C-alpha atoms as a PDB file:
ATOM      1  CA  MET A   1      -0.021   0.007  -0.018  1.00  0.00           C
ATOM      2  CA  ASN A   2       1.307   3.392  -0.996  1.00  0.00           C
ATOM      3  CA  THR A   3       0.985   6.242   1.438  1.00  0.00           C
ATOM      4  CA  GLU A   4       3.717   8.609   0.067  1.00  0.00           C
ATOM      5  CA  ALA A   5       1.566   9.974  -2.799  1.00  0.00           C
ATOM      6  CA  GLU A   6       0.042  12.798  -0.676  1.00  0.00           C
ATOM      7  CA  THR A   7       3.481  13.947   0.446  1.00  0.00           C
ATOM      8  CA  GLU A   8       5.343  13.472  -2.770  1.00  0.00           C
ATOM      9  CA  TYR A   9       2.669  14.999  -5.175  1.00  0.00           C
ATOM     10  CA  GLY A  10       3.872  18.588  -4.716  1.00  0.00           C
ATOM     11  CA  ILE A  11       0.534  20.430  -4.399  1.00  0.00           C
ATOM     12  CA  GLY A  12      -1.495  20.761  -1.136  1.00  0.00           C
ATOM     13  CA  THR A  13      -1.007  19.934   2.387  1.00  0.00           C
ATOM     14  CA  LEU A  14      -0.407  16.514   3.755  1.00  0.00           C
ATOM     15  CA  GLY A  15      -3.829  15.250   5.282  1.00  0.00           C
ATOM     16  CA  LYS A  16      -5.866  18.056   3.940  1.00  0.00           C
ATOM     17  CA  LYS A  17      -8.046  18.148   0.934  1.00  0.00           C
ATOM     18  CA  TRP A  18      -7.033  20.526  -1.914  1.00  0.00           C
ATOM     19  CA  THR A  19      -8.274  24.080  -1.798  1.00  0.00           C
ATOM     20  CA  ASP A  20      -9.618  26.020  -4.644  1.00  0.00           C
ATOM     21  CA  GLY A  21      -6.172  27.542  -4.768  1.00  0.00           C
ATOM     22  CA  ASP A  22      -4.468  24.069  -4.944  1.00  0.00           C
ATOM     23  CA  LYS A  23      -6.788  23.179  -7.706  1.00  0.00           C
ATOM     24  CA  GLU A  24      -6.000  26.371  -9.540  1.00  0.00           C
ATOM     25  CA  ILE A  25      -2.181  25.613  -9.115  1.00  0.00           C
ATOM     26  CA  TRP A  26      -2.682  22.189 -10.665  1.00  0.00           C
ATOM     27  CA  PHE A  27      -4.574  23.626 -13.597  1.00  0.00           C
ATOM     28  CA  GLN A  28      -1.806  26.208 -14.298  1.00  0.00           C
ATOM     29  CA  GLN A  29       0.721  23.402 -14.391  1.00  0.00           C
ATOM     30  CA  GLN A  30      -1.093  21.702 -17.241  1.00  0.00           C
ATOM     31  CA  GLN A  31       0.200  22.256 -20.769  1.00  0.00           C
ATOM     32  CA  LYS A  32      -1.272  21.461 -24.172  1.00  0.00           C
ATOM     33  CA  LYS A  33       0.621  18.353 -25.842  1.00  0.00           C
ATOM     34  CA  ARG A  34      -1.339  17.921 -28.915  1.00  0.00           C
ATOM     35  CA  SER A  35      -4.221  19.349 -30.866  1.00  0.00           C
ATOM     36  CA  TYR A  36      -7.887  18.405 -30.491  1.00  0.00           C
ATOM     37  CA  PHE A  37      -8.709  20.218 -33.693  1.00  0.00           C
ATOM     38  CA  ASP A  38      -6.054  18.604 -35.811  1.00  0.00           C
ATOM     39  CA  GLU A  39      -6.372  15.043 -34.555  1.00  0.00           C
ATOM     40  CA  VAL A  40     -10.019  14.742 -33.941  1.00  0.00           C
ATOM     41  CA  VAL A  41     -12.198  17.345 -35.456  1.00  0.00           C
ATOM     42  CA  ALA A  42     -10.339  17.584 -38.685  1.00  0.00           C
ATOM     43  CA  LYS A  43     -11.069  13.926 -39.276  1.00  0.00           C
ATOM     44  CA  LEU A  44     -14.882  14.283 -38.869  1.00  0.00           C
ATOM     45  CA  ASP A  45     -15.643  15.983 -42.131  1.00  0.00           C
ATOM     46  CA  ASP A  46     -14.622  13.034 -44.147  1.00  0.00           C
ATOM     47  CA  LEU A  47     -17.419  11.135 -42.445  1.00  0.00           C
ATOM     48  CA  SER A  48     -20.288  13.421 -43.637  1.00  0.00           C
ATOM     49  CA  GLU A  49     -21.285  11.185 -46.553  1.00  0.00           C
ATOM     50  CA  ASN A  50     -22.715   8.514 -44.030  1.00  0.00           C
ATOM     51  CA  PHE A  51     -23.233  10.481 -40.840  1.00  0.00           C
ATOM     52  CA  ILE A  52     -24.785  13.581 -39.605  1.00  0.00           C
ATOM     53  CA  ILE A  53     -22.235  15.726 -37.765  1.00  0.00           C
ATOM     54  CA  GLU A  54     -23.959  17.440 -34.912  1.00  0.00           C
ATOM     55  CA  GLN A  55     -22.540  19.895 -32.187  1.00  0.00           C
ATOM     56  CA  TYR A  56     -24.121  18.964 -28.992  1.00  0.00           C
ATOM     57  CA  GLY A  57     -22.192  21.434 -26.629  1.00  0.00           C
ATOM     58  CA  ASN A  58     -19.332  23.651 -26.243  1.00  0.00           C
ATOM     59  CA  LEU A  59     -16.888  23.773 -23.410  1.00  0.00           C
ATOM     60  CA  LEU A  60     -15.224  27.203 -22.404  1.00  0.00           C
ATOM     61  CA  TYR A  61     -12.145  26.998 -20.259  1.00  0.00           C
ATOM     62  CA  ASP A  62     -10.436  30.284 -19.837  1.00  0.00           C
ATOM     63  CA  ALA A  63      -9.676  31.578 -23.358  1.00  0.00           C
ATOM     64  CA  ASP A  64     -10.055  27.888 -24.846  1.00  0.00           C
ATOM     65  CA  ASN A  65     -13.213  27.041 -26.805  1.00  0.00           C
ATOM     66  CA  TYR A  66     -14.059  23.402 -27.383  1.00  0.00           C
ATOM     67  CA  PRO A  67     -17.088  22.453 -29.503  1.00  0.00           C
ATOM     68  CA  LEU A  68     -18.303  19.056 -28.951  1.00  0.00           C
ATOM     69  CA  PHE A  69     -19.422  16.629 -31.758  1.00  0.00           C
ATOM     70  CA  ALA A  70     -21.630  13.648 -32.130  1.00  0.00           C
ATOM     71  CA  LEU A  71     -22.116  11.643 -35.244  1.00  0.00           C
ATOM     72  CA  LYS A  72     -25.418   9.970 -36.060  1.00  0.00           C
ATOM     73  CA  SER A  73     -26.280   7.579 -38.999  1.00  0.00           C
ATOM     74  CA  LEU A  74     -27.596   9.434 -41.949  1.00  0.00           C
ATOM     75  CA  ASN A  75     -29.934   6.619 -42.898  1.00  0.00           C
ATOM     76  CA  TRP A  76     -31.644   6.446 -39.580  1.00  0.00           C
ATOM     77  CA  LEU A  77     -34.588   4.090 -39.439  1.00  0.00           C
ATOM     78  CA  THR A  78     -36.617   3.765 -36.396  1.00  0.00           C
ATOM     79  CA  ASP A  79     -36.975  -0.142 -36.891  1.00  0.00           C
ATOM     80  CA  LYS A  80     -33.315  -0.533 -36.565  1.00  0.00           C
ATOM     81  CA  PRO A  81     -31.622  -1.013 -33.189  1.00  0.00           C
ATOM     82  CA  ALA A  82     -29.460   1.705 -31.976  1.00  0.00           C
ATOM     83  CA  VAL A  83     -25.862   1.630 -30.773  1.00  0.00           C
ATOM     84  CA  LEU A  84     -24.130   4.315 -28.725  1.00  0.00           C
ATOM     85  CA  ILE A  85     -20.260   4.391 -28.886  1.00  0.00           C
ATOM     86  CA  THR A  86     -18.288   6.971 -26.565  1.00  0.00           C
ATOM     87  CA  GLY A  87     -14.749   7.814 -26.563  1.00  0.00           C
ATOM     88  CA  GLY A  88     -12.302  10.175 -24.737  1.00  0.00           C
ATOM     89  CA  VAL A  89     -14.300  10.522 -21.626  1.00  0.00           C
ATOM     90  CA  HIS A  90     -10.738  10.513 -20.146  1.00  0.00           C
ATOM     91  CA  GLY A  91      -8.994  12.513 -22.721  1.00  0.00           C
ATOM     92  CA  TYR A  92      -5.698  11.021 -22.098  1.00  0.00           C
ATOM     93  CA  GLU A  93      -6.923   7.525 -23.282  1.00  0.00           C
ATOM     94  CA  THR A  94      -5.994   8.038 -26.841  1.00  0.00           C
ATOM     95  CA  SER A  95      -7.072   4.796 -28.493  1.00  0.00           C
ATOM     96  CA  GLY A  96     -10.641   5.337 -27.393  1.00  0.00           C
ATOM     97  CA  VAL A  97     -10.846   8.661 -29.307  1.00  0.00           C
ATOM     98  CA  GLN A  98      -9.240   7.249 -32.448  1.00  0.00           C
ATOM     99  CA  GLY A  99     -10.817   3.786 -32.146  1.00  0.00           C
ATOM    100  CA  ALA A 100     -14.156   5.565 -32.467  1.00  0.00           C
ATOM    101  CA  ILE A 101     -13.233   7.526 -35.430  1.00  0.00           C
ATOM    102  CA  SER A 102     -11.525   4.422 -37.238  1.00  0.00           C
ATOM    103  CA  PHE A 103     -14.544   2.392 -36.802  1.00  0.00           C
ATOM    104  CA  LEU A 104     -16.695   5.040 -38.408  1.00  0.00           C
ATOM    105  CA  LYS A 105     -14.270   5.353 -41.335  1.00  0.00           C
ATOM    106  CA  THR A 106     -13.372   1.646 -41.836  1.00  0.00           C
ATOM    107  CA  GLU A 107     -16.223  -0.552 -40.415  1.00  0.00           C
ATOM    108  CA  ALA A 108     -19.359   1.233 -39.890  1.00  0.00           C
ATOM    109  CA  ILE A 109     -20.531   1.015 -43.486  1.00  0.00           C
ATOM    110  CA  LYS A 110     -20.702  -2.663 -43.369  1.00  0.00           C
ATOM    111  CA  TYR A 111     -23.478  -2.450 -40.421  1.00  0.00           C
ATOM    112  CA  GLN A 112     -25.260   0.474 -41.523  1.00  0.00           C
ATOM    113  CA  ASP A 113     -28.190  -1.315 -42.821  1.00  0.00           C
ATOM    114  CA  ASP A 114     -28.730  -3.128 -39.712  1.00  0.00           C
ATOM    115  CA  PHE A 115     -27.926  -0.679 -36.960  1.00  0.00           C
ATOM    116  CA  ASN A 116     -28.317   3.036 -35.981  1.00  0.00           C
ATOM    117  CA  PHE A 117     -25.248   4.594 -34.722  1.00  0.00           C
ATOM    118  CA  VAL A 118     -24.673   7.588 -32.324  1.00  0.00           C
ATOM    119  CA  VAL A 119     -21.053   8.235 -31.793  1.00  0.00           C
ATOM    120  CA  LEU A 120     -19.304  10.661 -29.553  1.00  0.00           C
ATOM    121  CA  PRO A 121     -15.593  10.238 -30.217  1.00  0.00           C
ATOM    122  CA  CYS A 122     -14.143  12.754 -27.719  1.00  0.00           C
ATOM    123  CA  ILE A 123     -15.959  13.751 -24.781  1.00  0.00           C
ATOM    124  CA  SER A 124     -13.118  15.561 -22.931  1.00  0.00           C
ATOM    125  CA  PRO A 125     -11.127  17.688 -25.537  1.00  0.00           C
ATOM    126  CA  TRP A 126      -9.313  19.632 -23.042  1.00  0.00           C
ATOM    127  CA  GLY A 127      -8.296  16.301 -21.516  1.00  0.00           C
ATOM    128  CA  TYR A 128      -7.227  15.027 -24.895  1.00  0.00           C
ATOM    129  CA  GLU A 129      -4.980  18.031 -25.623  1.00  0.00           C
ATOM    130  CA  THR A 130      -3.259  18.065 -21.983  1.00  0.00           C
ATOM    131  CA  ILE A 131      -3.249  14.250 -21.619  1.00  0.00           C
ATOM    132  CA  ASN A 132      -5.444  14.328 -18.478  1.00  0.00           C
ATOM    133  CA  ARG A 133      -7.864  12.197 -16.765  1.00  0.00           C
ATOM    134  CA  TRP A 134      -9.466  15.154 -15.148  1.00  0.00           C
ATOM    135  CA  ASN A 135     -11.019  18.131 -16.549  1.00  0.00           C
ATOM    136  CA  PRO A 136      -9.552  21.733 -15.711  1.00  0.00           C
ATOM    137  CA  LEU A 137     -11.635  21.745 -12.556  1.00  0.00           C
ATOM    138  CA  THR A 138     -10.008  18.574 -11.298  1.00  0.00           C
ATOM    139  CA  LEU A 139     -13.138  16.636 -11.871  1.00  0.00           C
ATOM    140  CA  ASP A 140     -13.291  13.220 -13.263  1.00  0.00           C
ATOM    141  CA  PRO A 141     -15.922  13.182 -16.150  1.00  0.00           C
ATOM    142  CA  ASN A 142     -16.212   9.386 -15.635  1.00  0.00           C
ATOM    143  CA  ARG A 143     -17.341   9.819 -12.158  1.00  0.00           C
ATOM    144  CA  SER A 144     -19.709  12.424 -12.991  1.00  0.00           C
ATOM    145  CA  PHE A 145     -22.602  11.088 -14.979  1.00  0.00           C
ATOM    146  CA  TYR A 146     -25.312  11.932 -12.492  1.00  0.00           C
ATOM    147  CA  ASP A 147     -28.216  14.703 -12.233  1.00  0.00           C
ATOM    148  CA  ASN A 148     -26.773  18.053 -11.706  1.00  0.00           C
ATOM    149  CA  SER A 149     -23.376  16.951 -12.682  1.00  0.00           C
ATOM    150  CA  PRO A 150     -20.606  19.601 -11.898  1.00  0.00           C
ATOM    151  CA  ALA A 151     -18.534  18.324 -14.906  1.00  0.00           C
ATOM    152  CA  GLN A 152     -19.542  20.233 -18.144  1.00  0.00           C
ATOM    153  CA  GLU A 153     -18.225  17.337 -20.293  1.00  0.00           C
ATOM    154  CA  SER A 154     -20.671  14.714 -18.651  1.00  0.00           C
ATOM    155  CA  SER A 155     -23.612  17.022 -18.276  1.00  0.00           C
ATOM    156  CA  ALA A 156     -23.475  17.971 -22.014  1.00  0.00           C
ATOM    157  CA  VAL A 157     -23.457  14.380 -22.898  1.00  0.00           C
ATOM    158  CA  MET A 158     -26.291  13.568 -20.650  1.00  0.00           C
ATOM    159  CA  LEU A 159     -28.525  16.488 -22.072  1.00  0.00           C
ATOM    160  CA  TYR A 160     -27.679  15.239 -25.647  1.00  0.00           C
ATOM    161  CA  ILE A 161     -28.529  11.637 -25.156  1.00  0.00           C
ATOM    162  CA  LYS A 162     -31.895  12.851 -23.343  1.00  0.00           C
ATOM    163  CA  SER A 163     -32.729  15.030 -26.174  1.00  0.00           C
ATOM    164  CA  LEU A 164     -32.485  12.183 -28.764  1.00  0.00           C
ATOM    165  CA  GLY A 165     -35.247  10.107 -27.175  1.00  0.00           C
ATOM    166  CA  VAL A 166     -33.633   6.946 -28.232  1.00  0.00           C
ATOM    167  CA  ASP A 167     -33.874   3.411 -26.699  1.00  0.00           C
ATOM    168  CA  PHE A 168     -30.504   2.097 -27.159  1.00  0.00           C
ATOM    169  CA  LEU A 169     -29.684  -1.697 -27.599  1.00  0.00           C
ATOM    170  CA  ALA A 170     -26.078  -1.296 -26.543  1.00  0.00           C
ATOM    171  CA  HIS A 171     -23.550   1.309 -25.320  1.00  0.00           C
ATOM    172  CA  ILE A 172     -19.856   0.707 -25.800  1.00  0.00           C
ATOM    173  CA  ASP A 173     -17.432   3.088 -23.939  1.00  0.00           C
ATOM    174  CA  LEU A 174     -13.957   2.970 -25.195  1.00  0.00           C
ATOM    175  CA  HIS A 175     -11.180   3.540 -22.639  1.00  0.00           C
ATOM    176  CA  GLU A 176      -7.557   2.565 -21.636  1.00  0.00           C
ATOM    177  CA  THR A 177      -5.648   1.565 -18.540  1.00  0.00           C
ATOM    178  CA  THR A 178      -1.995   3.081 -18.730  1.00  0.00           C
ATOM    179  CA  ASP A 179       1.027   3.306 -16.341  1.00  0.00           C
ATOM    180  CA  SER A 180       0.290   6.828 -15.853  1.00  0.00           C
ATOM    181  CA  ASP A 181      -2.865   5.694 -13.680  1.00  0.00           C
ATOM    182  CA  ASN A 182      -0.278   4.749 -10.868  1.00  0.00           C
ATOM    183  CA  SER A 183       2.446   7.343 -11.841  1.00  0.00           C
ATOM    184  CA  GLU A 184       0.406  10.395 -11.938  1.00  0.00           C
ATOM    185  CA  PHE A 185      -3.351  10.127 -11.593  1.00  0.00           C
ATOM    186  CA  ARG A 186      -3.735   8.047  -8.539  1.00  0.00           C
ATOM    187  CA  PRO A 187      -1.206  10.047  -6.732  1.00  0.00           C
ATOM    188  CA  ALA A 188      -3.018  13.088  -7.843  1.00  0.00           C
ATOM    189  CA  LEU A 189      -6.207  11.743  -6.331  1.00  0.00           C
ATOM    190  CA  ALA A 190      -4.768  10.904  -3.159  1.00  0.00           C
ATOM    191  CA  ALA A 191      -3.452  14.411  -2.784  1.00  0.00           C
ATOM    192  CA  ARG A 192      -6.471  16.214  -3.862  1.00  0.00           C
ATOM    193  CA  ASP A 193      -9.007  14.234  -1.531  1.00  0.00           C
ATOM    194  CA  ALA A 194      -6.313  13.567   1.297  1.00  0.00           C
ATOM    195  CA  ILE A 195      -7.006   9.728   0.968  1.00  0.00           C
ATOM    196  CA  GLU A 196      -4.751   6.901   0.971  1.00  0.00           C
ATOM    197  CA  GLN A 197      -4.586   5.246  -2.392  1.00  0.00           C
ATOM    198  CA  LYS A 198      -3.198   1.624  -3.243  1.00  0.00           C
ATOM    199  CA  VAL A 199      -1.023   1.269  -6.236  1.00  0.00           C
ATOM    200  CA  TRP A 200      -2.754  -0.894  -8.809  1.00  0.00           C
ATOM    201  CA  ASN A 201      -1.306  -3.923 -10.567  1.00  0.00           C
ATOM    202  CA  ILE A 202      -1.899  -2.709 -14.022  1.00  0.00           C
ATOM    203  CA  PRO A 203      -2.939  -5.664 -16.107  1.00  0.00           C
ATOM    204  CA  ASP A 204      -0.727  -6.280 -19.444  1.00  0.00           C
ATOM    205  CA  GLY A 205      -3.458  -6.700 -21.839  1.00  0.00           C
ATOM    206  CA  PHE A 206      -6.989  -5.822 -22.862  1.00  0.00           C
ATOM    207  CA  TYR A 207      -9.873  -6.314 -20.584  1.00  0.00           C
ATOM    208  CA  LEU A 208     -13.659  -5.260 -20.299  1.00  0.00           C
ATOM    209  CA  VAL A 209     -15.526  -3.729 -17.642  1.00  0.00           C
ATOM    210  CA  GLY A 210     -19.257  -4.812 -17.636  1.00  0.00           C
ATOM    211  CA  GLU A 211     -22.339  -3.366 -15.683  1.00  0.00           C
ATOM    212  CA  SER A 212     -22.839  -5.470 -12.642  1.00  0.00           C
ATOM    213  CA  SER A 213     -26.564  -5.144 -12.754  1.00  0.00           C
ATOM    214  CA  LYS A 214     -26.699  -6.586 -16.408  1.00  0.00           C
ATOM    215  CA  PRO A 215     -23.463  -8.408 -16.924  1.00  0.00           C
ATOM    216  CA  GLN A 216     -24.472  -9.933 -20.074  1.00  0.00           C
ATOM    217  CA  ASP A 217     -21.718 -12.740 -19.804  1.00  0.00           C
ATOM    218  CA  GLN A 218     -22.058 -14.049 -23.627  1.00  0.00           C
ATOM    219  CA  PHE A 219     -22.100 -10.682 -24.858  1.00  0.00           C
ATOM    220  CA  GLN A 220     -18.920  -9.841 -23.032  1.00  0.00           C
ATOM    221  CA  LYS A 221     -17.413 -12.987 -24.129  1.00  0.00           C
ATOM    222  CA  ALA A 222     -18.184 -12.579 -27.887  1.00  0.00           C
ATOM    223  CA  ILE A 223     -16.118  -9.124 -27.523  1.00  0.00           C
ATOM    224  CA  ILE A 224     -13.248 -10.841 -25.847  1.00  0.00           C
ATOM    225  CA  GLU A 225     -13.206 -13.472 -28.621  1.00  0.00           C
ATOM    226  CA  SER A 226     -13.021 -10.726 -31.352  1.00  0.00           C
ATOM    227  CA  VAL A 227     -10.268  -8.756 -29.788  1.00  0.00           C
ATOM    228  CA  SER A 228      -8.160 -11.760 -28.892  1.00  0.00           C
ATOM    229  CA  ARG A 229      -7.665 -12.052 -32.720  1.00  0.00           C
ATOM    230  CA  VAL A 230      -5.800  -8.668 -32.716  1.00  0.00           C
ATOM    231  CA  THR A 231      -4.253  -8.344 -29.299  1.00  0.00           C
ATOM    232  CA  HIS A 232      -3.708 -10.263 -26.035  1.00  0.00           C
ATOM    233  CA  ILE A 233      -6.174 -10.430 -23.313  1.00  0.00           C
ATOM    234  CA  ALA A 234      -5.117  -9.492 -19.718  1.00  0.00           C
ATOM    235  CA  PRO A 235      -4.592 -12.493 -17.418  1.00  0.00           C
ATOM    236  CA  ALA A 236      -5.843 -12.420 -14.031  1.00  0.00           C
ATOM    237  CA  ASP A 237      -3.319 -11.724 -11.194  1.00  0.00           C
ATOM    238  CA  GLU A 238      -2.505 -14.207  -8.256  1.00  0.00           C
ATOM    239  CA  ASN A 239      -5.639 -13.403  -6.668  1.00  0.00           C
ATOM    240  CA  ASN A 240      -7.784 -13.939  -9.492  1.00  0.00           C
ATOM    241  CA  ARG A 241      -8.536 -10.181  -9.951  1.00  0.00           C
ATOM    242  CA  LEU A 242      -8.083  -7.379 -12.321  1.00  0.00           C
ATOM    243  CA  ILE A 243      -7.267  -3.887 -10.824  1.00  0.00           C
ATOM    244  CA  GLY A 244      -8.326  -5.467  -7.521  1.00  0.00           C
ATOM    245  CA  GLU A 245     -11.703  -6.803  -8.849  1.00  0.00           C
ATOM    246  CA  PRO A 246     -12.640 -10.480  -8.935  1.00  0.00           C
ATOM    247  CA  ILE A 247     -12.876 -11.574 -12.811  1.00  0.00           C
ATOM    248  CA  ALA A 248     -16.152 -12.662 -13.905  1.00  0.00           C
ATOM    249  CA  GLN A 249     -14.547 -14.665 -16.893  1.00  0.00           C
ATOM    250  CA  LEU A 250     -11.520 -14.304 -18.705  1.00  0.00           C
ATOM    251  CA  GLY A 251     -10.686 -10.670 -19.402  1.00  0.00           C
ATOM    252  CA  VAL A 252     -14.004  -9.311 -17.758  1.00  0.00           C
ATOM    253  CA  ILE A 253     -14.676  -7.681 -14.495  1.00  0.00           C
ATOM    254  CA  ASN A 254     -17.979  -5.712 -13.319  1.00  0.00           C
ATOM    255  CA  TYR A 255     -18.729  -2.585 -11.956  1.00  0.00           C
ATOM    256  CA  PRO A 256     -21.904  -0.867 -10.602  1.00  0.00           C
ATOM    257  CA  GLY A 257     -21.680   1.773 -13.417  1.00  0.00           C
ATOM    258  CA  ARG A 258     -24.575   3.991 -12.787  1.00  0.00           C
ATOM    259  CA  GLU A 259     -24.067   3.824  -8.993  1.00  0.00           C
ATOM    260  CA  LEU A 260     -20.480   5.167  -9.466  1.00  0.00           C
ATOM    261  CA  GLY A 261     -21.450   7.845 -12.119  1.00  0.00           C
ATOM    262  CA  LEU A 262     -19.592   5.999 -14.918  1.00  0.00           C
ATOM    263  CA  CYS A 263     -20.242   6.728 -18.634  1.00  0.00           C
ATOM    264  CA  MET A 264     -21.484   3.383 -19.093  1.00  0.00           C
ATOM    265  CA  GLY A 265     -24.370   4.073 -16.750  1.00  0.00           C
ATOM    266  CA  LEU A 266     -25.729   6.909 -19.104  1.00  0.00           C
ATOM    267  CA  THR A 267     -28.359   4.748 -20.673  1.00  0.00           C
ATOM    268  CA  ASP A 268     -30.788   2.048 -20.098  1.00  0.00           C
ATOM    269  CA  ALA A 269     -29.299  -0.293 -22.806  1.00  0.00           C
ATOM    270  CA  PRO A 270     -29.383  -3.690 -21.818  1.00  0.00           C
ATOM    271  CA  TYR A 271     -26.016  -4.402 -23.503  1.00  0.00           C
ATOM    272  CA  VAL A 272     -23.050  -2.323 -21.856  1.00  0.00           C
ATOM    273  CA  THR A 273     -19.442  -2.553 -21.719  1.00  0.00           C
ATOM    274  CA  THR A 274     -16.315  -0.408 -21.130  1.00  0.00           C
ATOM    275  CA  THR A 275     -12.981  -1.282 -22.915  1.00  0.00           C
ATOM    276  CA  GLU A 276      -9.669  -1.195 -21.375  1.00  0.00           C
ATOM    277  CA  VAL A 277      -6.722  -1.195 -23.635  1.00  0.00           C
ATOM    278  CA  TYR A 278      -3.218  -1.221 -22.219  1.00  0.00           C
ATOM    279  CA  PRO A 279      -0.872   1.007 -24.563  1.00  0.00           C
ATOM    280  CA  ASP A 280       2.011   0.530 -22.467  1.00  0.00           C
ATOM    281  CA  SER A 281       2.424  -2.941 -23.080  1.00  0.00           C
ATOM    282  CA  PRO A 282       5.797  -3.922 -24.997  1.00  0.00           C
ATOM    283  CA  ARG A 283       3.529  -6.304 -27.130  1.00  0.00           C
ATOM    284  CA  VAL A 284       1.345  -3.476 -28.632  1.00  0.00           C
ATOM    285  CA  ASP A 285       1.752  -0.207 -30.503  1.00  0.00           C
ATOM    286  CA  ASP A 286      -0.567   2.732 -31.021  1.00  0.00           C
ATOM    287  CA  GLU A 287      -2.151   1.190 -34.085  1.00  0.00           C
ATOM    288  CA  ASN A 288      -2.842  -2.182 -32.419  1.00  0.00           C
ATOM    289  CA  CYS A 289      -4.654  -0.458 -29.756  1.00  0.00           C
ATOM    290  CA  ILE A 290      -6.843   1.530 -32.151  1.00  0.00           C
ATOM    291  CA  VAL A 291      -7.585  -1.898 -34.011  1.00  0.00           C
ATOM    292  CA  ALA A 292      -8.188  -3.470 -30.696  1.00  0.00           C
ATOM    293  CA  GLN A 293     -11.005  -0.839 -30.015  1.00  0.00           C
ATOM    294  CA  VAL A 294     -12.585  -1.384 -33.378  1.00  0.00           C
ATOM    295  CA  ALA A 295     -12.604  -5.023 -32.799  1.00  0.00           C
ATOM    296  CA  VAL A 296     -14.720  -4.529 -29.628  1.00  0.00           C
ATOM    297  CA  ILE A 297     -17.408  -2.629 -31.576  1.00  0.00           C
ATOM    298  CA  THR A 298     -17.393  -5.106 -34.518  1.00  0.00           C
ATOM    299  CA  GLY A 299     -17.441  -8.095 -32.085  1.00  0.00           C
ATOM    300  CA  ALA A 300     -20.473  -6.614 -30.362  1.00  0.00           C
ATOM    301  CA  LEU A 301     -22.308  -6.058 -33.564  1.00  0.00           C
ATOM    302  CA  ASP A 302     -21.510  -9.416 -35.008  1.00  0.00           C
ATOM    303  CA  TYR A 303     -22.911 -10.974 -31.649  1.00  0.00           C
ATOM    304  CA  PHE A 304     -26.181  -9.154 -32.176  1.00  0.00           C
ATOM    305  CA  LEU A 305     -26.399 -10.146 -35.780  1.00  0.00           C
ATOM    306  CA  ALA A 306     -25.810 -13.648 -35.013  1.00  0.00           C
ATOM    307  CA  TYR A 307     -28.426 -13.962 -32.054  1.00  0.00           C
END
């Protein structure tokens, strides 16, 4: 167990939660490392032939302005099941963002006659640019999907999804687990909240997080089988767990998503999963991680078509 994160992080006072001043210090230390507009927004125009591109919100942080975009199937028919795909809830989890875009570019056309799609490729653009889990107010958007959410990123998504009035068959939320979870983000959380944080054993490989109230074991299994064709699945640790949680089956754990304010609890879809790619593995590269995210989506869709 690691108790040093609070003293070593460098912001705040040991044993005390961060003040607004501490949070401002953290924000001022963040720097842009890449461009949301060049790496995400610029890629969306190429998709207008098959998708309606809608701006569902706008984030204003100091002098920065981040328009938020969703893509909907152009040939939307009410008798087709609807699938929601979200990426970039945590902006630093790159393959989730690029995986959503890659699916739209390379695979979606094969399924457009059978499904309606709603895709939000980058929910946290400031986090994407600064490679952060939090937003500028030190809030985690993936713990903020609840009524009267303090996170602009989460509240904008919830309002948009509610406005659609769609009953989704499935929601696939694309994420990563990185080494920086232990080196940066969990120490920051320990310092911010003045709590003790364990260092996670980060799994080497891909895994899924299902919703514990509706685990859908065969659905999760089908996705794992699809992903296993392109990358390796994370083995359980010596305690038969992944990130401290008991495994439900190979490569799958379950969380109470809605109770925890997770994005995967956003809808009432009966089929829900959150992906976790491990981009720091020596066995993968950036492209392999993106391909794995696409394999999640196609694996899920193929499962529905088969059953």
